[in-house]
N, C-alpha and C. Protein backbone atom coordinates (compact mmCIF):
# COMPACT_ATOMS: atom_id res chain seq x y z
N MET A 1 -9.50 -1.48 -41.72
CA MET A 1 -10.17 -1.17 -40.27
C MET A 1 -8.96 -1.68 -39.38
N ALA A 2 -9.28 -2.67 -39.43
CA ALA A 2 -8.21 -3.62 -38.52
C ALA A 2 -6.69 -3.52 -38.09
N GLN A 3 -6.30 -2.82 -39.21
CA GLN A 3 -4.72 -2.35 -39.42
C GLN A 3 -4.94 -1.11 -38.80
N THR A 4 -5.83 -0.60 -38.93
CA THR A 4 -5.91 0.94 -38.40
C THR A 4 -5.86 0.28 -36.89
N MET A 5 -6.78 -0.17 -36.31
CA MET A 5 -6.97 -0.54 -34.74
C MET A 5 -5.66 -0.79 -34.07
N GLU A 6 -5.22 -1.78 -34.93
CA GLU A 6 -3.98 -2.31 -34.39
C GLU A 6 -2.81 -1.71 -33.35
N PRO A 7 -2.53 -0.54 -34.07
CA PRO A 7 -1.34 0.92 -33.19
C PRO A 7 -2.31 1.30 -31.96
N VAL A 8 -3.65 1.32 -32.37
CA VAL A 8 -4.39 2.00 -30.81
C VAL A 8 -4.56 0.82 -30.52
N ALA A 9 -4.86 0.12 -30.11
CA ALA A 9 -4.35 -1.63 -29.23
C ALA A 9 -3.58 -1.14 -29.24
N LYS A 10 -2.84 -1.49 -29.26
CA LYS A 10 -0.97 -1.29 -28.73
C LYS A 10 -0.95 -0.58 -27.80
N LYS A 11 -1.07 0.80 -27.81
CA LYS A 11 -0.92 1.97 -27.20
C LYS A 11 -2.02 1.96 -26.18
N ILE A 12 -2.92 1.04 -25.77
CA ILE A 12 -3.34 1.02 -25.30
C ILE A 12 -3.29 0.04 -24.07
N PHE A 13 -2.31 -1.16 -25.20
CA PHE A 13 -1.76 -2.02 -23.90
C PHE A 13 -0.83 -2.02 -23.22
N LYS A 14 0.09 -1.05 -23.69
CA LYS A 14 1.51 -0.79 -23.05
C LYS A 14 0.56 0.56 -21.93
N GLY A 15 -0.23 1.30 -22.33
CA GLY A 15 -0.57 2.20 -20.97
C GLY A 15 -0.69 1.40 -20.09
N VAL A 16 -1.81 0.24 -20.26
CA VAL A 16 -2.51 -0.45 -19.02
C VAL A 16 -1.20 -1.01 -18.35
N LEU A 17 -0.17 -1.76 -19.62
CA LEU A 17 0.84 -2.31 -18.51
C LEU A 17 1.44 -1.50 -17.71
N VAL A 18 2.06 0.04 -17.68
CA VAL A 18 2.88 0.70 -17.63
C VAL A 18 1.91 0.80 -16.34
N ALA A 19 0.65 1.42 -16.37
CA ALA A 19 -0.40 1.74 -14.70
C ALA A 19 -0.23 0.49 -13.95
N GLU A 20 -0.32 -0.78 -14.39
CA GLU A 20 0.01 -1.78 -13.47
C GLU A 20 1.51 -1.96 -13.18
N LEU A 21 2.04 -1.74 -13.23
CA LEU A 21 3.45 -1.59 -12.52
C LEU A 21 3.77 -0.65 -12.10
N LEU A 22 3.19 0.48 -12.39
CA LEU A 22 3.11 1.28 -11.17
C LEU A 22 2.42 1.15 -9.76
N GLY A 23 1.58 0.65 -10.32
CA GLY A 23 0.42 0.37 -8.72
C GLY A 23 1.14 -0.82 -7.92
N VAL A 24 1.71 -1.70 -8.81
CA VAL A 24 2.51 -2.84 -8.17
C VAL A 24 4.01 -1.75 -7.51
N PHE A 25 4.65 -1.56 -8.00
CA PHE A 25 5.29 -0.74 -7.13
C PHE A 25 5.29 0.57 -6.10
N GLY A 26 4.04 0.87 -6.33
CA GLY A 26 3.74 1.87 -5.51
C GLY A 26 3.03 0.97 -4.03
N ALA A 27 2.75 0.08 -4.54
CA ALA A 27 1.98 -0.67 -3.04
C ALA A 27 2.96 -1.31 -2.77
N TYR A 28 4.11 -1.92 -3.41
CA TYR A 28 5.15 -2.08 -2.54
C TYR A 28 6.05 -1.27 -1.55
N PHE A 29 5.88 -0.55 -2.48
CA PHE A 29 6.83 1.03 -1.82
C PHE A 29 6.00 1.78 -0.07
N LEU A 30 4.80 1.29 -0.01
CA LEU A 30 4.01 1.91 0.50
C LEU A 30 3.77 0.85 1.85
N PHE A 31 3.96 -0.76 1.23
CA PHE A 31 3.64 -1.85 2.91
C PHE A 31 5.40 -1.56 3.21
N ASN A 32 7.25 -1.49 2.22
CA ASN A 32 7.80 -1.52 2.68
C ASN A 32 7.84 0.00 4.16
N LYS A 33 7.43 1.01 3.49
CA LYS A 33 7.61 1.65 4.57
C LYS A 33 6.45 1.56 5.32
N MET A 34 5.47 1.06 5.09
CA MET A 34 4.66 0.75 6.73
C MET A 34 4.89 -0.48 7.79
N ASN A 35 5.97 -1.01 6.92
CA ASN A 35 6.42 -1.98 7.69
C ASN A 35 8.00 -1.83 8.79
N THR A 36 8.75 -0.86 8.25
CA THR A 36 9.95 -0.52 8.86
C THR A 36 9.89 0.81 9.37
N SER A 37 8.04 1.58 9.56
CA SER A 37 8.41 2.50 10.24
C SER A 37 7.34 2.85 10.78
N GLN A 38 7.27 2.80 12.25
CA GLN A 38 6.21 2.82 13.13
C GLN A 38 5.66 4.33 13.15
N ASP A 39 6.82 5.37 12.80
CA ASP A 39 5.96 6.83 13.04
C ASP A 39 5.25 7.24 11.97
N PHE A 40 5.63 6.70 10.32
CA PHE A 40 5.04 6.60 9.58
C PHE A 40 3.57 5.77 9.16
N ARG A 41 3.89 4.78 9.92
CA ARG A 41 2.27 4.07 10.49
C ARG A 41 1.25 5.17 10.89
N GLN A 42 1.87 5.97 11.90
CA GLN A 42 0.73 7.01 12.68
C GLN A 42 0.75 8.34 12.51
N THR A 43 1.75 8.45 10.81
CA THR A 43 0.92 9.60 10.01
C THR A 43 -0.13 8.88 9.28
N MET A 44 0.16 7.59 8.87
CA MET A 44 -1.15 6.60 7.60
C MET A 44 -2.75 6.65 8.73
N SER A 45 -2.26 6.65 10.20
CA SER A 45 -3.42 6.29 10.61
C SER A 45 -4.36 7.67 10.98
N LYS A 46 -3.48 8.77 10.64
CA LYS A 46 -4.29 10.05 10.71
C LYS A 46 -4.76 10.68 9.43
N LYS A 47 -4.64 10.02 8.31
CA LYS A 47 -4.78 10.23 7.21
C LYS A 47 -5.11 9.52 6.46
N PHE A 48 -5.03 8.03 6.56
CA PHE A 48 -5.30 7.31 5.82
C PHE A 48 -5.65 6.03 6.50
N PRO A 49 -7.02 6.04 7.12
CA PRO A 49 -6.74 5.26 8.44
C PRO A 49 -7.11 3.56 7.50
N PHE A 50 -7.98 3.88 6.52
CA PHE A 50 -8.43 2.80 5.94
C PHE A 50 -6.96 2.08 5.15
N ILE A 51 -6.41 2.62 4.65
CA ILE A 51 -4.94 1.91 4.06
C ILE A 51 -3.99 1.10 5.39
N LEU A 52 -3.80 2.06 6.21
CA LEU A 52 -3.64 1.41 7.48
C LEU A 52 -4.08 -0.44 7.90
N GLU A 53 -5.40 -0.11 7.79
CA GLU A 53 -6.31 -1.47 8.34
C GLU A 53 -6.01 -2.24 7.23
N VAL A 54 -5.96 -2.36 5.72
CA VAL A 54 -5.46 -2.75 4.97
C VAL A 54 -4.27 -3.47 5.37
N TYR A 55 -2.94 -3.09 5.70
CA TYR A 55 -1.71 -3.17 6.06
C TYR A 55 -2.14 -4.18 7.67
N TYR A 56 -2.78 -3.66 8.47
CA TYR A 56 -2.92 -4.91 9.86
C TYR A 56 -3.59 -5.78 9.44
N LYS A 57 -4.22 -5.90 8.80
CA LYS A 57 -4.90 -7.17 7.97
C LYS A 57 -4.17 -8.29 7.65
N SER A 58 -2.93 -7.28 6.94
CA SER A 58 -2.40 -8.26 6.00
C SER A 58 -0.80 -8.73 6.46
N THR A 59 -0.75 -8.15 7.44
CA THR A 59 0.60 -8.69 8.31
C THR A 59 -0.10 -9.94 9.50
N GLU A 60 -1.42 -9.80 9.80
CA GLU A 60 -2.13 -10.81 10.85
C GLU A 60 -2.62 -12.14 9.76
N LYS A 61 -3.11 -11.53 8.37
CA LYS A 61 -2.86 -13.25 7.24
C LYS A 61 -1.88 -13.65 7.39
N SER A 62 -0.56 -12.84 6.96
CA SER A 62 0.52 -13.46 7.26
C SER A 62 1.19 -14.01 8.85
N ARG A 63 0.38 -14.25 9.58
CA ARG A 63 1.05 -14.52 10.44
C ARG A 63 2.23 -13.64 11.69
N MET A 64 2.18 -12.26 11.37
CA MET A 64 3.17 -11.56 11.82
C MET A 64 2.07 -10.69 12.99
N TYR A 65 1.79 -11.50 14.08
CA TYR A 65 0.64 -11.04 15.34
C TYR A 65 1.51 -9.63 16.40
N GLY A 66 0.90 -8.83 16.63
CA GLY A 66 1.49 -7.74 17.52
C GLY A 66 1.45 -6.29 16.55
N VAL A 67 1.92 -6.40 15.84
CA VAL A 67 2.03 -5.07 15.38
C VAL A 67 0.90 -3.94 15.96
N ARG A 68 -0.12 -4.33 15.60
CA ARG A 68 -1.30 -3.02 15.69
C ARG A 68 -1.33 -3.02 17.07
N GLU A 69 -1.21 -3.83 17.91
CA GLU A 69 -0.75 -3.72 19.64
C GLU A 69 0.04 -2.92 19.90
N GLN A 70 1.33 -3.17 19.35
CA GLN A 70 2.67 -2.31 19.79
C GLN A 70 2.19 -1.25 18.82
N ASP A 71 2.11 -0.58 18.29
CA ASP A 71 1.63 1.02 18.18
C ASP A 71 0.44 1.33 18.61
N GLN A 72 -0.58 1.20 18.67
CA GLN A 72 -1.67 1.63 19.82
C GLN A 72 -0.98 1.64 21.07
N GLU A 73 -0.69 0.70 21.86
CA GLU A 73 0.37 1.09 23.10
C GLU A 73 1.13 2.46 22.86
N LYS A 74 2.45 2.50 22.07
CA LYS A 74 3.58 3.55 21.55
C LYS A 74 2.49 4.51 21.66
N TRP A 75 1.56 4.65 21.23
CA TRP A 75 0.94 5.81 20.07
C TRP A 75 -0.04 6.49 22.09
N LEU A 76 -0.37 5.86 22.41
CA LEU A 76 -1.11 6.00 23.69
C LEU A 76 -0.33 6.37 25.14
N ASN A 77 0.94 5.72 24.82
CA ASN A 77 2.02 6.00 25.64
C ASN A 77 3.02 7.87 25.39
N SER A 78 2.62 7.75 24.16
CA SER A 78 3.50 8.73 23.72
C SER A 78 2.42 9.53 23.97
N LYS A 79 0.91 9.98 23.90
CA LYS A 79 0.11 10.83 24.61
C LYS A 79 0.11 11.34 25.89
N ASN A 80 0.78 10.63 27.19
CA ASN A 80 1.06 10.64 28.16
C ASN A 80 1.69 11.51 28.51
């Protein structure tokens, strides 16, 4: 019984590992895109505001202050 479960366990482990790697690379891509594009952040604020809030909090934790304020100022000025 143990020998028949071993290949299944390896497949499950590989699937979990691939899912974790995709998650890490996806999170990196998303953070990098938000970090370099104010227009993308504006799109995220309309579609996924909770993700943008996580971005703002992570930049504030890393002592990069003022990103939220700059975005809000630009978006407010662009409406006028």
